[in-house]
PDB file of N, CA and C in Angstrom:
ATOM      1  N   UNK A   1      32.158 -28.081  14.482  1.00  0.00           N
ATOM      2  CA  UNK A   1      31.352 -28.446  13.329  1.00  0.00           C
ATOM      3  C   UNK A   1      29.993 -27.700  13.360  1.00  0.00           C
ATOM      4  N   UNK A   2      29.390 -27.609  14.528  1.00  0.00           N
ATOM      5  CA  UNK A   2      28.094 -26.928  14.661  1.00  0.00           C
ATOM      6  C   UNK A   2      28.252 -25.440  14.330  1.00  0.00           C
ATOM      7  N   UNK A   3      29.329 -24.812  14.825  1.00  0.00           N
ATOM      8  CA  UNK A   3      29.553 -23.401  14.549  1.00  0.00           C
ATOM      9  C   UNK A   3      29.718 -23.165  13.043  1.00  0.00           C
ATOM     10  N   UNK A   4      30.406 -24.072  12.396  1.00  0.00           N
ATOM     11  CA  UNK A   4      30.614 -23.920  10.950  1.00  0.00           C
ATOM     12  C   UNK A   4      29.302 -24.073  10.201  1.00  0.00           C
ATOM     13  N   UNK A   5      28.479 -25.002  10.622  1.00  0.00           N
ATOM     14  CA  UNK A   5      27.188 -25.219   9.990  1.00  0.00           C
ATOM     15  C   UNK A   5      26.279 -23.977  10.158  1.00  0.00           C
ATOM     16  N   UNK A   6      26.290 -23.395  11.336  1.00  0.00           N
ATOM     17  CA  UNK A   6      25.506 -22.192  11.600  1.00  0.00           C
ATOM     18  C   UNK A   6      26.015 -21.041  10.758  1.00  0.00           C
ATOM     19  N   UNK A   7      27.323 -20.875  10.666  1.00  0.00           N
ATOM     20  CA  UNK A   7      27.911 -19.803   9.878  1.00  0.00           C
ATOM     21  C   UNK A   7      27.550 -19.961   8.408  1.00  0.00           C
ATOM     22  N   UNK A   8      27.606 -21.171   7.898  1.00  0.00           N
ATOM     23  CA  UNK A   8      27.275 -21.429   6.495  1.00  0.00           C
ATOM     24  C   UNK A   8      25.796 -21.144   6.226  1.00  0.00           C
ATOM     25  N   UNK A   9      24.935 -21.515   7.169  1.00  0.00           N
ATOM     26  CA  UNK A   9      23.503 -21.268   7.038  1.00  0.00           C
ATOM     27  C   UNK A   9      23.222 -19.781   6.992  1.00  0.00           C
ATOM     28  N   UNK A  10      23.855 -19.004   7.875  1.00  0.00           N
ATOM     29  CA  UNK A  10      23.684 -17.559   7.876  1.00  0.00           C
ATOM     30  C   UNK A  10      24.199 -16.934   6.583  1.00  0.00           C
ATOM     31  N   UNK A  11      25.350 -17.405   6.114  1.00  0.00           N
ATOM     32  CA  UNK A  11      25.922 -16.862   4.886  1.00  0.00           C
ATOM     33  C   UNK A  11      25.011 -17.142   3.705  1.00  0.00           C
ATOM     34  N   UNK A  12      24.471 -18.310   3.632  1.00  0.00           N
ATOM     35  CA  UNK A  12      23.541 -18.655   2.548  1.00  0.00           C
ATOM     36  C   UNK A  12      22.269 -17.814   2.623  1.00  0.00           C
ATOM     37  N   UNK A  13      21.813 -17.566   3.808  1.00  0.00           N
ATOM     38  CA  UNK A  13      20.634 -16.726   3.992  1.00  0.00           C
ATOM     39  C   UNK A  13      20.856 -15.303   3.495  1.00  0.00           C
ATOM     40  N   UNK A  14      22.014 -14.767   3.777  1.00  0.00           N
ATOM     41  CA  UNK A  14      22.357 -13.404   3.311  1.00  0.00           C
ATOM     42  C   UNK A  14      22.483 -13.383   1.794  1.00  0.00           C
ATOM     43  N   UNK A  15      23.102 -14.393   1.217  1.00  0.00           N
ATOM     44  CA  UNK A  15      23.263 -14.449  -0.236  1.00  0.00           C
ATOM     45  C   UNK A  15      21.940 -14.688  -0.942  1.00  0.00           C
ATOM     46  N   UNK A  16      21.043 -15.414  -0.330  1.00  0.00           N
ATOM     47  CA  UNK A  16      19.767 -15.753  -0.967  1.00  0.00           C
ATOM     48  C   UNK A  16      18.739 -14.614  -0.803  1.00  0.00           C
ATOM     49  N   UNK A  17      18.958 -13.690   0.103  1.00  0.00           N
ATOM     50  CA  UNK A  17      17.967 -12.629   0.356  1.00  0.00           C
ATOM     51  C   UNK A  17      17.596 -11.853  -0.904  1.00  0.00           C
ATOM     52  N   UNK A  18      18.564 -11.470  -1.757  1.00  0.00           N
ATOM     53  CA  UNK A  18      18.155 -10.763  -2.966  1.00  0.00           C
ATOM     54  C   UNK A  18      17.265 -11.579  -3.886  1.00  0.00           C
ATOM     55  N   UNK A  19      17.301 -12.875  -3.782  1.00  0.00           N
ATOM     56  CA  UNK A  19      16.468 -13.726  -4.628  1.00  0.00           C
ATOM     57  C   UNK A  19      14.994 -13.559  -4.279  1.00  0.00           C
ATOM     58  N   UNK A  20      14.697 -13.114  -3.055  1.00  0.00           N
ATOM     59  CA  UNK A  20      13.311 -12.922  -2.640  1.00  0.00           C
ATOM     60  C   UNK A  20      12.763 -11.559  -3.041  1.00  0.00           C
ATOM     61  N   UNK A  21      13.689 -10.648  -3.370  1.00  0.00           N
ATOM     62  CA  UNK A  21      13.279  -9.308  -3.819  1.00  0.00           C
ATOM     63  C   UNK A  21      12.746  -9.444  -5.240  1.00  0.00           C
ATOM     64  N   UNK A  22      11.858  -8.551  -5.593  1.00  0.00           N
ATOM     65  CA  UNK A  22      11.360  -8.614  -6.954  1.00  0.00           C
ATOM     66  C   UNK A  22      10.719  -7.338  -7.433  1.00  0.00           C
ATOM     67  N   UNK A  23      10.497  -7.331  -8.698  1.00  0.00           N
ATOM     68  CA  UNK A  23       9.777  -6.222  -9.293  1.00  0.00           C
ATOM     69  C   UNK A  23       8.288  -6.464  -9.171  1.00  0.00           C
ATOM     70  N   UNK A  24       7.589  -5.409  -8.830  1.00  0.00           N
ATOM     71  CA  UNK A  24       6.140  -5.483  -8.711  1.00  0.00           C
ATOM     72  C   UNK A  24       5.566  -4.380  -9.601  1.00  0.00           C
ATOM     73  N   UNK A  25       4.471  -4.696 -10.252  1.00  0.00           N
ATOM     74  CA  UNK A  25       3.797  -3.730 -11.070  1.00  0.00           C
ATOM     75  C   UNK A  25       2.380  -3.530 -10.553  1.00  0.00           C
ATOM     76  N   UNK A  26       1.983  -2.298 -10.410  1.00  0.00           N
ATOM     77  CA  UNK A  26       0.654  -1.963  -9.908  1.00  0.00           C
ATOM     78  C   UNK A  26       0.031  -0.882 -10.817  1.00  0.00           C
ATOM     79  N   UNK A  27      -1.257  -0.943 -10.971  1.00  0.00           N
ATOM     80  CA  UNK A  27      -1.977   0.100 -11.685  1.00  0.00           C
ATOM     81  C   UNK A  27      -2.759   0.942 -10.686  1.00  0.00           C
ATOM     82  N   UNK A  28      -2.528   2.242 -10.730  1.00  0.00           N
ATOM     83  CA  UNK A  28      -3.233   3.152  -9.830  1.00  0.00           C
ATOM     84  C   UNK A  28      -4.249   3.977 -10.594  1.00  0.00           C
ATOM     85  N   UNK A  29      -5.432   4.088 -10.081  1.00  0.00           N
ATOM     86  CA  UNK A  29      -6.439   5.016 -10.580  1.00  0.00           C
ATOM     87  C   UNK A  29      -6.180   6.342  -9.899  1.00  0.00           C
ATOM     88  N   UNK A  30      -6.175   7.424 -10.673  1.00  0.00           N
ATOM     89  CA  UNK A  30      -5.765   8.717 -10.126  1.00  0.00           C
ATOM     90  C   UNK A  30      -6.916   9.727 -10.199  1.00  0.00           C
ATOM     91  N   UNK A  31      -7.171  10.379  -9.109  1.00  0.00           N
ATOM     92  CA  UNK A  31      -8.240  11.381  -9.021  1.00  0.00           C
ATOM     93  C   UNK A  31      -7.668  12.784  -9.312  1.00  0.00           C
ATOM     94  N   UNK A  32      -8.552  13.745  -9.545  1.00  0.00           N
ATOM     95  CA  UNK A  32      -8.199  15.170  -9.771  1.00  0.00           C
ATOM     96  C   UNK A  32      -7.416  15.355 -11.067  1.00  0.00           C
ATOM     97  N   UNK A  33      -7.568  14.480 -12.027  1.00  0.00           N
ATOM     98  CA  UNK A  33      -6.827  14.527 -13.285  1.00  0.00           C
ATOM     99  C   UNK A  33      -7.704  15.225 -14.304  1.00  0.00           C
ATOM    100  N   UNK A  34      -7.500  16.542 -14.508  1.00  0.00           N
ATOM    101  CA  UNK A  34      -8.407  17.303 -15.372  1.00  0.00           C
ATOM    102  C   UNK A  34      -7.717  18.055 -16.496  1.00  0.00           C
ATOM    103  N   UNK A  35      -6.407  18.244 -16.428  1.00  0.00           N
ATOM    104  CA  UNK A  35      -5.728  19.100 -17.407  1.00  0.00           C
ATOM    105  C   UNK A  35      -4.589  18.384 -18.121  1.00  0.00           C
ATOM    106  N   UNK A  36      -4.009  19.066 -19.083  1.00  0.00           N
ATOM    107  CA  UNK A  36      -2.907  18.500 -19.865  1.00  0.00           C
ATOM    108  C   UNK A  36      -1.624  18.337 -19.070  1.00  0.00           C
ATOM    109  N   UNK A  37      -1.475  19.107 -17.987  1.00  0.00           N
ATOM    110  CA  UNK A  37      -0.277  18.995 -17.157  1.00  0.00           C
ATOM    111  C   UNK A  37      -0.342  17.818 -16.188  1.00  0.00           C
ATOM    112  N   UNK A  38      -1.546  17.345 -15.924  1.00  0.00           N
ATOM    113  CA  UNK A  38      -1.740  16.291 -14.919  1.00  0.00           C
ATOM    114  C   UNK A  38      -0.892  15.045 -15.179  1.00  0.00           C
ATOM    115  N   UNK A  39      -0.855  14.486 -16.392  1.00  0.00           N
ATOM    116  CA  UNK A  39      -0.069  13.291 -16.601  1.00  0.00           C
ATOM    117  C   UNK A  39       1.421  13.476 -16.242  1.00  0.00           C
ATOM    118  N   UNK A  40       1.962  14.638 -16.581  1.00  0.00           N
ATOM    119  CA  UNK A  40       3.348  14.925 -16.273  1.00  0.00           C
ATOM    120  C   UNK A  40       3.593  14.977 -14.753  1.00  0.00           C
ATOM    121  N   UNK A  41       2.717  15.674 -14.049  1.00  0.00           N
ATOM    122  CA  UNK A  41       2.877  15.794 -12.597  1.00  0.00           C
ATOM    123  C   UNK A  41       2.743  14.431 -11.921  1.00  0.00           C
ATOM    124  N   UNK A  42       1.782  13.641 -12.335  1.00  0.00           N
ATOM    125  CA  UNK A  42       1.575  12.305 -11.770  1.00  0.00           C
ATOM    126  C   UNK A  42       2.805  11.437 -12.047  1.00  0.00           C
ATOM    127  N   UNK A  43       3.265  11.448 -13.277  1.00  0.00           N
ATOM    128  CA  UNK A  43       4.418  10.607 -13.661  1.00  0.00           C
ATOM    129  C   UNK A  43       5.678  11.027 -12.859  1.00  0.00           C
ATOM    130  N   UNK A  44       5.933  12.322 -12.757  1.00  0.00           N
ATOM    131  CA  UNK A  44       7.104  12.788 -12.049  1.00  0.00           C
ATOM    132  C   UNK A  44       7.025  12.496 -10.557  1.00  0.00           C
ATOM    133  N   UNK A  45       5.849  12.619  -9.976  1.00  0.00           N
ATOM    134  CA  UNK A  45       5.717  12.336  -8.539  1.00  0.00           C
ATOM    135  C   UNK A  45       5.980  10.865  -8.247  1.00  0.00           C
ATOM    136  N   UNK A  46       5.531   9.986  -9.132  1.00  0.00           N
ATOM    137  CA  UNK A  46       5.773   8.548  -8.936  1.00  0.00           C
ATOM    138  C   UNK A  46       7.221   8.185  -9.226  1.00  0.00           C
ATOM    139  N   UNK A  47       7.796   8.776 -10.261  1.00  0.00           N
ATOM    140  CA  UNK A  47       9.182   8.461 -10.620  1.00  0.00           C
ATOM    141  C   UNK A  47      10.158   8.884  -9.515  1.00  0.00           C
ATOM    142  N   UNK A  48       9.759   9.871  -8.694  1.00  0.00           N
ATOM    143  CA  UNK A  48      10.632  10.346  -7.626  1.00  0.00           C
ATOM    144  C   UNK A  48      10.666   9.396  -6.420  1.00  0.00           C
ATOM    145  N   UNK A  49       9.774   8.433  -6.369  1.00  0.00           N
ATOM    146  CA  UNK A  49       9.767   7.471  -5.225  1.00  0.00           C
ATOM    147  C   UNK A  49      10.941   6.509  -5.394  1.00  0.00           C
ATOM    148  N   UNK A  50      11.812   6.384  -4.374  1.00  0.00           N
ATOM    149  CA  UNK A  50      12.935   5.472  -4.476  1.00  0.00           C
ATOM    150  C   UNK A  50      12.458   4.049  -4.741  1.00  0.00           C
ATOM    151  N   UNK A  51      13.075   3.390  -5.695  1.00  0.00           N
ATOM    152  CA  UNK A  51      12.726   2.010  -6.047  1.00  0.00           C
ATOM    153  C   UNK A  51      11.845   1.914  -7.279  1.00  0.00           C
ATOM    154  N   UNK A  52      11.253   3.022  -7.713  1.00  0.00           N
ATOM    155  CA  UNK A  52      10.427   3.008  -8.911  1.00  0.00           C
ATOM    156  C   UNK A  52      11.317   2.914 -10.135  1.00  0.00           C
ATOM    157  N   UNK A  53      11.041   1.924 -11.007  1.00  0.00           N
ATOM    158  CA  UNK A  53      11.857   1.730 -12.196  1.00  0.00           C
ATOM    159  C   UNK A  53      11.173   2.148 -13.478  1.00  0.00           C
ATOM    160  N   UNK A  54       9.841   2.204 -13.477  1.00  0.00           N
ATOM    161  CA  UNK A  54       9.109   2.614 -14.683  1.00  0.00           C
ATOM    162  C   UNK A  54       7.727   3.153 -14.325  1.00  0.00           C
ATOM    163  N   UNK A  55       7.315   4.186 -15.035  1.00  0.00           N
ATOM    164  CA  UNK A  55       5.978   4.751 -14.849  1.00  0.00           C
ATOM    165  C   UNK A  55       5.387   5.017 -16.231  1.00  0.00           C
ATOM    166  N   UNK A  56       4.194   4.509 -16.472  1.00  0.00           N
ATOM    167  CA  UNK A  56       3.453   4.802 -17.706  1.00  0.00           C
ATOM    168  C   UNK A  56       2.088   5.333 -17.306  1.00  0.00           C
ATOM    169  N   UNK A  57       1.747   6.510 -17.804  1.00  0.00           N
ATOM    170  CA  UNK A  57       0.447   7.112 -17.466  1.00  0.00           C
ATOM    171  C   UNK A  57      -0.444   7.118 -18.688  1.00  0.00           C
ATOM    172  N   UNK A  58      -1.747   7.091 -18.431  1.00  0.00           N
ATOM    173  CA  UNK A  58      -2.735   7.152 -19.497  1.00  0.00           C
ATOM    174  C   UNK A  58      -3.718   8.275 -19.222  1.00  0.00           C
ATOM    175  N   UNK A  59      -3.697   9.266 -20.076  1.00  0.00           N
ATOM    176  CA  UNK A  59      -4.619  10.390 -19.934  1.00  0.00           C
ATOM    177  C   UNK A  59      -6.054   9.915 -20.196  1.00  0.00           C
ATOM    178  N   UNK A  60      -6.193   8.941 -21.095  1.00  0.00           N
ATOM    179  CA  UNK A  60      -7.511   8.417 -21.445  1.00  0.00           C
ATOM    180  C   UNK A  60      -8.194   7.723 -20.265  1.00  0.00           C
ATOM    181  N   UNK A  61      -7.457   6.850 -19.576  1.00  0.00           N
ATOM    182  CA  UNK A  61      -8.062   6.077 -18.489  1.00  0.00           C
ATOM    183  C   UNK A  61      -7.792   6.664 -17.101  1.00  0.00           C
ATOM    184  N   UNK A  62      -6.979   7.727 -17.044  1.00  0.00           N
ATOM    185  CA  UNK A  62      -6.623   8.374 -15.759  1.00  0.00           C
ATOM    186  C   UNK A  62      -5.977   7.392 -14.808  1.00  0.00           C
ATOM    187  N   UNK A  63      -5.033   6.588 -15.358  1.00  0.00           N
ATOM    188  CA  UNK A  63      -4.339   5.602 -14.560  1.00  0.00           C
ATOM    189  C   UNK A  63      -2.832   5.739 -14.732  1.00  0.00           C
ATOM    190  N   UNK A  64      -2.094   5.159 -13.798  1.00  0.00           N
ATOM    191  CA  UNK A  64      -0.650   5.085 -13.873  1.00  0.00           C
ATOM    192  C   UNK A  64      -0.234   3.651 -13.593  1.00  0.00           C
ATOM    193  N   UNK A  65       0.551   3.087 -14.485  1.00  0.00           N
ATOM    194  CA  UNK A  65       1.100   1.731 -14.266  1.00  0.00           C
ATOM    195  C   UNK A  65       2.540   1.934 -13.794  1.00  0.00           C
ATOM    196  N   UNK A  66       2.810   1.426 -12.599  1.00  0.00           N
ATOM    197  CA  UNK A  66       4.106   1.677 -11.955  1.00  0.00           C
ATOM    198  C   UNK A  66       4.793   0.362 -11.660  1.00  0.00           C
ATOM    199  N   UNK A  67       6.049   0.258 -12.077  1.00  0.00           N
ATOM    200  CA  UNK A  67       6.877  -0.893 -11.761  1.00  0.00           C
ATOM    201  C   UNK A  67       7.921  -0.435 -10.748  1.00  0.00           C
ATOM    202  N   UNK A  68       8.068  -1.225  -9.679  1.00  0.00           N
ATOM    203  CA  UNK A  68       8.976  -0.815  -8.612  1.00  0.00           C
ATOM    204  C   UNK A  68       9.629  -2.022  -7.961  1.00  0.00           C
ATOM    205  N   UNK A  69      10.750  -1.781  -7.307  1.00  0.00           N
ATOM    206  CA  UNK A  69      11.453  -2.789  -6.498  1.00  0.00           C
ATOM    207  C   UNK A  69      10.744  -2.872  -5.176  1.00  0.00           C
ATOM    208  N   UNK A  70      10.146  -4.006  -4.892  1.00  0.00           N
ATOM    209  CA  UNK A  70       9.326  -4.132  -3.673  1.00  0.00           C
ATOM    210  C   UNK A  70      10.146  -4.191  -2.383  1.00  0.00           C
ATOM    211  N   UNK A  71      11.485  -4.141  -2.485  1.00  0.00           N
ATOM    212  CA  UNK A  71      12.286  -4.032  -1.267  1.00  0.00           C
ATOM    213  C   UNK A  71      12.575  -2.574  -0.943  1.00  0.00           C
ATOM    214  N   UNK A  72      12.284  -1.673  -1.897  1.00  0.00           N
ATOM    215  CA  UNK A  72      12.567  -0.256  -1.687  1.00  0.00           C
ATOM    216  C   UNK A  72      11.317   0.610  -1.633  1.00  0.00           C
ATOM    217  N   UNK A  73      10.206   0.102  -2.161  1.00  0.00           N
ATOM    218  CA  UNK A  73       8.968   0.887  -2.221  1.00  0.00           C
ATOM    219  C   UNK A  73       7.788  -0.048  -2.049  1.00  0.00           C
ATOM    220  N   UNK A  74       6.636   0.532  -1.777  1.00  0.00           N
ATOM    221  CA  UNK A  74       5.383  -0.231  -1.700  1.00  0.00           C
ATOM    222  C   UNK A  74       4.253   0.627  -2.229  1.00  0.00           C
ATOM    223  N   UNK A  75       3.092   0.024  -2.360  1.00  0.00           N
ATOM    224  CA  UNK A  75       1.944   0.732  -2.929  1.00  0.00           C
ATOM    225  C   UNK A  75       1.599   1.945  -2.081  1.00  0.00           C
ATOM    226  N   UNK A  76       1.701   1.851  -0.783  1.00  0.00           N
ATOM    227  CA  UNK A  76       1.371   2.995   0.069  1.00  0.00           C
ATOM    228  C   UNK A  76       2.290   4.195  -0.211  1.00  0.00           C
ATOM    229  N   UNK A  77       3.558   3.937  -0.500  1.00  0.00           N
ATOM    230  CA  UNK A  77       4.492   5.029  -0.830  1.00  0.00           C
ATOM    231  C   UNK A  77       4.093   5.685  -2.148  1.00  0.00           C
ATOM    232  N   UNK A  78       3.602   4.881  -3.086  1.00  0.00           N
ATOM    233  CA  UNK A  78       3.156   5.424  -4.375  1.00  0.00           C
ATOM    234  C   UNK A  78       1.906   6.289  -4.197  1.00  0.00           C
ATOM    235  N   UNK A  79       0.967   5.768  -3.419  1.00  0.00           N
ATOM    236  CA  UNK A  79      -0.266   6.519  -3.155  1.00  0.00           C
ATOM    237  C   UNK A  79       0.063   7.839  -2.426  1.00  0.00           C
ATOM    238  N   UNK A  80       0.974   7.781  -1.491  1.00  0.00           N
ATOM    239  CA  UNK A  80       1.389   8.988  -0.752  1.00  0.00           C
ATOM    240  C   UNK A  80       1.991  10.011  -1.720  1.00  0.00           C
ATOM    241  N   UNK A  81       2.816   9.570  -2.651  1.00  0.00           N
ATOM    242  CA  UNK A  81       3.464  10.464  -3.602  1.00  0.00           C
ATOM    243  C   UNK A  81       2.447  11.199  -4.493  1.00  0.00           C
ATOM    244  N   UNK A  82       1.473  10.481  -5.010  1.00  0.00           N
ATOM    245  CA  UNK A  82       0.493  11.141  -5.866  1.00  0.00           C
ATOM    246  C   UNK A  82      -0.417  12.044  -5.038  1.00  0.00           C
ATOM    247  N   UNK A  83      -0.790  11.592  -3.868  1.00  0.00           N
ATOM    248  CA  UNK A  83      -1.650  12.380  -2.984  1.00  0.00           C
ATOM    249  C   UNK A  83      -0.981  13.689  -2.601  1.00  0.00           C
ATOM    250  N   UNK A  84       0.300  13.638  -2.244  1.00  0.00           N
ATOM    251  CA  UNK A  84       1.008  14.853  -1.867  1.00  0.00           C
ATOM    252  C   UNK A  84       1.191  15.810  -3.054  1.00  0.00           C
ATOM    253  N   UNK A  85       1.125  15.270  -4.284  1.00  0.00           N
ATOM    254  CA  UNK A  85       1.206  16.108  -5.474  1.00  0.00           C
ATOM    255  C   UNK A  85      -0.166  16.671  -5.863  1.00  0.00           C
ATOM    256  N   UNK A  86      -1.192  16.282  -5.109  1.00  0.00           N
ATOM    257  CA  UNK A  86      -2.539  16.779  -5.360  1.00  0.00           C
ATOM    258  C   UNK A  86      -3.434  15.840  -6.152  1.00  0.00           C
ATOM    259  N   UNK A  87      -2.954  14.615  -6.329  1.00  0.00           N
ATOM    260  CA  UNK A  87      -3.693  13.606  -7.102  1.00  0.00           C
ATOM    261  C   UNK A  87      -3.858  12.322  -6.298  1.00  0.00           C
ATOM    262  N   UNK A  88      -4.862  12.256  -5.436  1.00  0.00           N
ATOM    263  CA  UNK A  88      -5.066  11.032  -4.678  1.00  0.00           C
ATOM    264  C   UNK A  88      -5.253   9.834  -5.618  1.00  0.00           C
ATOM    265  N   UNK A  89      -4.723   8.702  -5.229  1.00  0.00           N
ATOM    266  CA  UNK A  89      -4.853   7.516  -6.074  1.00  0.00           C
ATOM    267  C   UNK A  89      -5.188   6.297  -5.238  1.00  0.00           C
ATOM    268  N   UNK A  90      -5.532   5.231  -5.922  1.00  0.00           N
ATOM    269  CA  UNK A  90      -5.828   3.962  -5.259  1.00  0.00           C
ATOM    270  C   UNK A  90      -5.597   2.838  -6.257  1.00  0.00           C
ATOM    271  N   UNK A  91      -5.350   1.624  -5.772  1.00  0.00           N
ATOM    272  CA  UNK A  91      -5.111   0.492  -6.686  1.00  0.00           C
ATOM    273  C   UNK A  91      -6.321   0.273  -7.595  1.00  0.00           C
ATOM    274  N   UNK A  92      -6.049   0.130  -8.863  1.00  0.00           N
ATOM    275  CA  UNK A  92      -7.078  -0.105  -9.869  1.00  0.00           C
ATOM    276  C   UNK A  92      -7.059  -1.591 -10.228  1.00  0.00           C
ATOM    277  N   UNK A  93      -8.242  -2.167 -10.361  1.00  0.00           N
ATOM    278  CA  UNK A  93      -8.317  -3.555 -10.819  1.00  0.00           C
ATOM    279  C   UNK A  93      -9.191  -3.616 -12.076  1.00  0.00           C
ATOM    280  N   UNK A  94      -8.852  -4.544 -12.959  1.00  0.00           N
ATOM    281  CA  UNK A  94      -9.569  -4.706 -14.234  1.00  0.00           C
ATOM    282  C   UNK A  94     -11.058  -4.876 -13.990  1.00  0.00           C
ATOM    283  N   UNK A  95     -11.870  -4.217 -14.772  1.00  0.00           N
ATOM    284  CA  UNK A  95     -13.311  -4.324 -14.643  1.00  0.00           C
ATOM    285  C   UNK A  95     -13.907  -3.272 -13.730  1.00  0.00           C
ATOM    286  N   UNK A  96     -13.048  -2.554 -13.025  1.00  0.00           N
ATOM    287  CA  UNK A  96     -13.501  -1.490 -12.131  1.00  0.00           C
ATOM    288  C   UNK A  96     -14.086  -0.360 -12.952  1.00  0.00           C
ATOM    289  N   UNK A  97     -15.164   0.231 -12.466  1.00  0.00           N
ATOM    290  CA  UNK A  97     -15.773   1.371 -13.184  1.00  0.00           C
ATOM    291  C   UNK A  97     -14.933   2.611 -12.878  1.00  0.00           C
ATOM    292  N   UNK A  98     -14.101   2.956 -13.816  1.00  0.00           N
ATOM    293  CA  UNK A  98     -13.212   4.098 -13.653  1.00  0.00           C
ATOM    294  C   UNK A  98     -12.859   4.606 -15.018  1.00  0.00           C
ATOM    295  N   UNK A  99     -12.757   5.828 -15.311  1.00  0.00           N
ATOM    296  CA  UNK A  99     -12.934   6.983 -14.485  1.00  0.00           C
ATOM    297  C   UNK A  99     -14.384   7.370 -14.332  1.00  0.00           C
TER     298      UNK A  99
END
C-alpha cells in the first residue's frame, strides 16, 4: 500500500509539473539603438532565444516587450541575446527615465 501511495504521488507530481510553467512577459530597455535597422536586429536576436513566443519592439521608446516560456528561457538569456547582438539591455519598469 505504501509503495502504491508513493508511486501515485510521484506520478501526480510529474503530471502537475507543467501546471507550474507559465508565460512571462518582460519589457527590456535597449541601449545603442540609433538606426532604422536596430529594431529588426533587436527583435530577431530575441526571437532566436528558445522559449520566446512573442517580441514587440518600439523604436519610439527603445524598448522590447518579450513574452517567453519561463521553463525554457529567463531574463538573463534575453539580456545576453541583445548584448551579443550589440544592444545591451536591462529590465525596464514603468516610470523609469528612459530613453
